Protein backbone atom coordinates (compact mmCIF):
# COMPACT_ATOMS: atom_id res chain seq x y z
CA MET A 1 0.00 0.00 0.00
CA SER A 2 1.15 3.54 -0.68
CA ASP A 3 2.14 5.77 2.23
CA GLU A 4 -0.24 8.33 0.72
CA TYR A 5 -3.35 6.19 1.21
CA PRO A 6 -5.29 6.94 4.45
CA ALA A 7 -5.78 3.72 6.39
CA ARG A 8 -9.52 4.05 7.04
CA LEU A 9 -10.28 4.73 3.39
CA TYR A 10 -8.04 1.91 2.20
CA ALA A 11 -9.68 -0.61 4.52
CA ALA A 12 -13.18 0.45 3.49
CA VAL A 13 -12.46 0.17 -0.23
CA HIS A 14 -10.22 -2.90 -0.29
CA ASP A 15 -12.44 -5.24 1.68
CA GLY A 16 -11.74 -8.57 0.02
CA ASN A 17 -13.65 -10.84 -2.33
CA PRO A 18 -16.96 -12.57 -1.59
CA GLY A 19 -16.32 -15.87 0.14
CA ASP A 20 -12.72 -15.23 1.13
CA VAL A 21 -13.25 -15.35 4.90
CA GLU A 22 -15.17 -18.62 4.66
CA PHE A 23 -12.42 -20.05 2.44
CA TYR A 24 -9.66 -19.23 4.92
CA ARG A 25 -11.75 -20.62 7.76
CA ARG A 26 -12.06 -23.93 5.90
CA ARG A 27 -8.42 -24.11 4.94
CA CYS A 28 -7.22 -23.19 8.42
CA ALA A 29 -9.49 -25.66 10.21
CA GLY A 30 -7.51 -27.55 12.82
CA ALA A 31 -4.48 -25.25 12.65
CA ARG A 32 -3.33 -24.05 16.05
CA SER A 33 -1.03 -21.30 14.76
CA ILE A 34 -1.57 -18.85 11.89
CA VAL A 35 0.41 -15.87 10.67
CA GLU A 36 -0.98 -13.43 8.11
CA LEU A 37 1.59 -11.53 6.06
CA GLY A 38 0.25 -8.14 5.00
CA CYS A 39 -2.63 -8.38 7.47
CA GLY A 40 -3.88 -4.81 7.02
CA ASP A 41 -6.76 -4.16 9.40
CA ALA A 42 -6.92 -7.91 10.25
CA ARG A 43 -10.29 -8.38 8.55
CA VAL A 44 -9.45 -12.01 7.69
CA LEU A 45 -7.23 -12.82 10.65
CA ALA A 46 -9.79 -11.66 13.22
CA ALA A 47 -12.34 -14.01 11.65
CA LEU A 48 -10.00 -16.94 12.34
CA ALA A 49 -9.85 -16.36 16.09
CA GLU A 50 -10.89 -19.28 18.26
CA PRO A 51 -9.92 -20.55 21.72
CA GLY A 52 -6.41 -21.97 21.88
CA ARG A 53 -5.34 -20.70 18.46
CA SER A 54 -2.28 -18.46 18.13
CA LEU A 55 -2.71 -15.62 15.62
CA VAL A 56 -0.02 -13.20 14.41
CA GLY A 57 -0.54 -10.37 11.95
CA VAL A 58 2.36 -8.67 10.16
CA ASP A 59 2.08 -5.39 8.26
CA LEU A 60 4.34 -2.48 7.35
CA ASP A 61 1.65 0.16 7.74
CA PRO A 62 1.15 1.47 11.29
CA GLY A 63 -2.21 2.95 10.33
CA GLN A 64 -3.53 -0.45 9.28
CA LEU A 65 -2.14 -2.06 12.42
CA ALA A 66 -3.93 0.57 14.52
CA LEU A 67 -7.21 -0.40 12.86
CA ALA A 68 -6.43 -4.06 13.51
CA ALA A 69 -5.65 -3.39 17.16
CA ALA A 70 -9.01 -1.65 17.56
CA ARG A 71 -10.93 -4.80 16.70
CA PRO A 72 -12.36 -6.27 19.92
CA VAL A 73 -11.15 -9.76 19.01
CA ALA A 74 -7.60 -8.47 18.53
CA GLN A 75 -7.19 -7.44 22.14
CA GLY A 76 -5.34 -10.32 23.73
CA GLU A 77 -6.02 -12.75 20.87
CA ILE A 78 -3.91 -11.40 17.99
CA GLU A 79 -0.26 -10.44 18.16
CA LEU A 80 0.35 -7.56 15.76
CA VAL A 81 3.85 -6.97 14.40
CA GLU A 82 5.00 -3.98 12.37
CA GLY A 83 7.30 -5.58 9.86
CA ASP A 84 8.10 -6.43 6.26
CA MET A 85 6.84 -9.76 4.91
CA ARG A 86 10.17 -10.17 3.11
CA THR A 87 12.29 -10.10 6.24
CA VAL A 88 10.16 -10.41 9.38
CA GLU A 89 11.58 -12.64 12.12
CA LEU A 90 9.03 -14.10 14.52
CA GLY A 91 11.12 -16.70 16.35
CA ARG A 92 8.73 -19.56 15.64
CA ARG A 93 6.97 -21.40 12.86
CA PHE A 94 3.29 -21.68 11.99
CA GLU A 95 0.90 -24.30 10.69
CA ARG A 96 -0.60 -21.78 8.29
CA VAL A 97 0.92 -18.76 6.56
CA ILE A 98 -1.76 -16.78 4.74
CA ILE A 99 -1.53 -13.86 2.30
CA PRO A 100 -5.10 -12.89 1.36
CA HIS A 101 -6.51 -10.47 -1.18
CA GLY A 102 -3.52 -9.76 -3.39
CA GLY A 103 -1.01 -9.13 -0.64
CA LEU A 104 1.73 -10.53 -2.88
CA TYR A 105 0.99 -7.83 -5.45
CA CYS A 106 2.38 -5.17 -3.11
CA LEU A 107 5.83 -6.61 -3.88
CA LEU A 108 7.02 -4.47 -6.75
CA ASP A 109 9.76 -6.59 -8.33
CA GLU A 110 10.91 -10.20 -8.73
CA ALA A 111 13.46 -9.93 -5.93
CA ALA A 112 10.81 -8.76 -3.47
CA LEU A 113 8.48 -11.59 -4.48
CA ALA A 114 11.26 -14.15 -4.10
CA ALA A 115 12.19 -12.81 -0.67
CA ALA A 116 8.59 -12.91 0.56
CA LEU A 117 8.01 -16.47 -0.63
CA ALA A 118 11.28 -17.58 0.96
CA ARG A 119 10.24 -15.94 4.23
CA ALA A 120 6.83 -17.63 4.05
CA ALA A 121 8.56 -20.99 3.58
CA ALA A 122 10.81 -20.32 6.56
CA LEU A 123 7.80 -19.50 8.74
CA LEU A 124 5.99 -22.77 7.96
CA THR A 125 6.08 -25.87 10.10
CA ASP A 126 7.13 -29.03 8.28
CA ASP A 127 3.49 -29.99 7.68
CA GLY A 128 2.21 -26.42 7.32
CA LEU A 129 0.50 -24.73 4.37
CA LEU A 130 0.96 -21.40 2.62
CA ILE A 131 -2.41 -20.12 1.37
CA LEU A 132 -2.91 -17.01 -0.74
CA ASP A 133 -5.31 -15.38 -3.16
CA ALA A 134 -5.15 -12.49 -5.63
CA TRP A 135 -6.98 -11.28 -8.70
CA ALA A 136 -6.09 -13.38 -11.74
CA ALA A 137 -3.86 -11.47 -14.14
CA ASP A 138 -3.07 -14.04 -16.86
CA GLY A 139 -6.03 -13.34 -19.14
CA PHE A 140 -5.75 -9.58 -18.73
CA HIS A 141 -2.00 -9.59 -19.38
CA ALA A 142 -2.33 -11.74 -22.50
CA GLU A 143 -5.26 -9.96 -24.12
CA ALA A 144 -5.27 -6.30 -23.08
CA ASP A 145 -3.31 -3.60 -24.90
CA PRO A 146 -1.87 -0.61 -23.01
CA ASP A 147 -2.39 1.54 -26.11
CA ASP A 148 -6.13 1.09 -25.69
CA GLN A 149 -6.03 2.62 -22.23
CA ASP A 150 -7.18 6.21 -21.85
CA PRO A 151 -5.15 7.72 -18.98
CA SER A 152 -7.89 10.28 -18.35
CA TRP A 153 -10.60 7.65 -17.92
CA ILE A 154 -12.07 7.45 -14.43
CA GLU A 155 -14.17 4.51 -13.26
CA ARG A 156 -16.73 4.64 -10.47
CA VAL A 157 -15.83 1.72 -8.19
CA LYS A 158 -18.27 1.65 -5.29
CA THR A 159 -19.89 3.56 -2.46
CA VAL A 160 -18.57 2.85 1.02
CA ASP A 161 -19.76 3.76 4.49
CA ILE A 162 -17.28 5.25 6.93
CA ASP A 163 -18.55 6.21 10.38
CA GLY A 164 -22.08 6.56 9.05
CA GLU A 165 -21.09 8.74 6.08
CA ALA A 166 -21.33 7.62 2.46
CA TRP A 167 -18.28 8.07 0.22
CA GLU A 168 -18.17 7.62 -3.54
CA VAL A 169 -14.99 5.94 -4.76
CA LEU A 170 -13.57 6.54 -8.23
CA GLU A 171 -10.44 5.04 -9.78
CA ARG A 172 -7.95 5.90 -12.50
CA SER A 173 -4.97 3.70 -13.22
CA ALA A 174 -1.66 3.62 -15.06
CA TRP A 175 -0.48 0.29 -16.51
CA ASP A 176 3.08 -0.63 -17.40
CA LYS A 177 2.69 -4.00 -19.13
CA PRO A 178 6.39 -4.99 -19.44
CA ARG A 179 6.89 -4.39 -15.71
CA GLN A 180 3.46 -5.84 -14.81
CA ARG A 181 2.82 -2.70 -12.79
CA ILE A 182 -0.56 -1.12 -12.16
CA ASP A 183 -0.67 2.05 -10.10
CA ALA A 184 -4.28 2.78 -9.20
CA THR A 185 -5.26 6.12 -7.73
CA TYR A 186 -8.57 6.23 -5.89
CA LEU A 187 -10.53 9.42 -5.34
CA HIS A 188 -12.84 9.25 -2.32
CA VAL A 189 -15.58 11.89 -2.29
CA ARG A 190 -17.95 12.32 0.64
CA VAL A 191 -21.52 12.27 -0.70
CA GLY A 192 -22.97 15.76 -0.60
CA SER A 193 -19.54 17.37 -0.53
CA GLU A 194 -17.01 18.42 -3.12
CA ASP A 195 -14.11 17.44 -0.86
CA GLY A 196 -12.05 14.53 -2.12
CA VAL A 197 -9.24 12.43 -0.69
CA GLU A 198 -6.84 10.56 -2.95
CA GLY A 199 -4.94 7.38 -2.23
CA THR A 200 -2.63 5.43 -4.53
CA LEU A 201 -2.18 1.67 -4.55
CA ARG A 202 0.97 0.49 -6.31
CA GLN A 203 0.96 -3.13 -7.43
CA ARG A 204 2.92 -5.59 -9.50
CA TYR A 205 0.72 -8.47 -10.55
CA VAL A 206 2.05 -12.02 -10.78
CA LEU A 207 1.29 -14.52 -13.53
CA ALA A 208 0.57 -18.15 -12.69
CA LYS A 209 3.83 -19.39 -14.22
CA GLN A 210 5.77 -16.84 -12.17
CA LEU A 211 4.05 -17.93 -8.99
CA ARG A 212 4.81 -21.58 -9.72
CA ARG A 213 8.47 -20.77 -10.33
CA GLY A 214 8.70 -18.54 -7.28
CA LEU A 215 7.19 -21.17 -5.00
CA SER A 216 9.56 -23.82 -6.33
CA GLU A 217 12.61 -21.59 -5.88
CA ALA A 218 11.50 -20.90 -2.30
CA GLY A 219 11.43 -24.63 -1.58
CA LEU A 220 7.64 -24.86 -1.70
CA GLU A 221 5.52 -27.39 -3.54
CA LEU A 222 2.30 -26.18 -5.17
CA VAL A 223 -0.58 -28.32 -3.91
CA GLU A 224 -3.47 -26.54 -5.60
CA LEU A 225 -3.95 -23.66 -8.02
CA ALA A 226 -7.59 -22.68 -8.36
CA GLY A 227 -9.57 -19.96 -10.07
CA ASP A 228 -12.02 -19.43 -7.23
CA PHE A 229 -12.59 -20.27 -3.58
CA ASP A 230 -14.43 -23.49 -4.50
CA GLY A 231 -11.42 -25.21 -6.05
CA THR A 232 -12.26 -24.79 -9.75
CA ALA A 233 -9.11 -25.35 -11.80
CA TYR A 234 -7.25 -22.17 -12.70
CA GLY A 235 -7.54 -21.05 -16.32
CA ALA A 236 -7.39 -18.10 -18.69
CA GLU A 237 -10.93 -17.03 -17.77
CA SER A 238 -10.42 -17.20 -14.01
CA GLU A 239 -11.08 -14.05 -12.03
CA LEU A 240 -9.09 -15.17 -9.00
CA MET A 241 -5.81 -16.99 -8.46
CA VAL A 242 -5.98 -19.08 -5.29
CA ALA A 243 -2.87 -21.06 -4.37
CA ILE A 244 -2.01 -23.56 -1.65
CA ALA A 245 1.58 -24.74 -1.18
CA ARG A 246 3.57 -26.77 1.32
CA ARG A 247 7.20 -27.17 2.19
CA GLY A 248 8.99 -29.37 -0.32
CA SER A 249 11.16 -32.31 0.63
CA GLN A 250 14.30 -30.17 0.20
CA ALA A 251 13.00 -27.19 2.21
């Protein structure tokens, strides 16, 4: 996430995909220890709280961590760590490492992706699982043409409620296809007001073949690559990329 993006607005706009919380609940069933890398406001992690389960959330953004700490379930049940998913040291390993809702896309080059996957592998117990999801970029990357993009075009995204006030959210984006970079700037306008607040989200999307290679190089074995939270096989028409990996025999 960009330093320029106010935490409350970011959390309200980037609130996951339908079914993601239920998916992580299913895939984390029975796990006694879970760490979320790039936990943001702990929307997913807080939903995984249950008696006897150890939860740790890691994020670089102190504003997001403050929102996470304000959740009632977080008080005493979630350990929040300000840190970088590429380098964080937690002194223990976990049965699940999760990176929901495109957290990997905040890593803006191949080296950063490799470092984060290696760190995820190091944080896993021998029988643990890495679980992640992101929007599927393969079809878009193969078919779309940057020359067709109008840089002045603004899309209305959604209306969100913040403290009882409605905000309209609009987006414009800049795409660098060779670098797989999309920098999206969101304009948040309080309904009934002309005041607007901007926030920029800088991302580098990852193609399925790059994820497979990155997992392998990190010593992880891909168990499942799906195009939705129900386990449908990943393909060119998929809207999501959902991956589950485990430590390989050489890890």
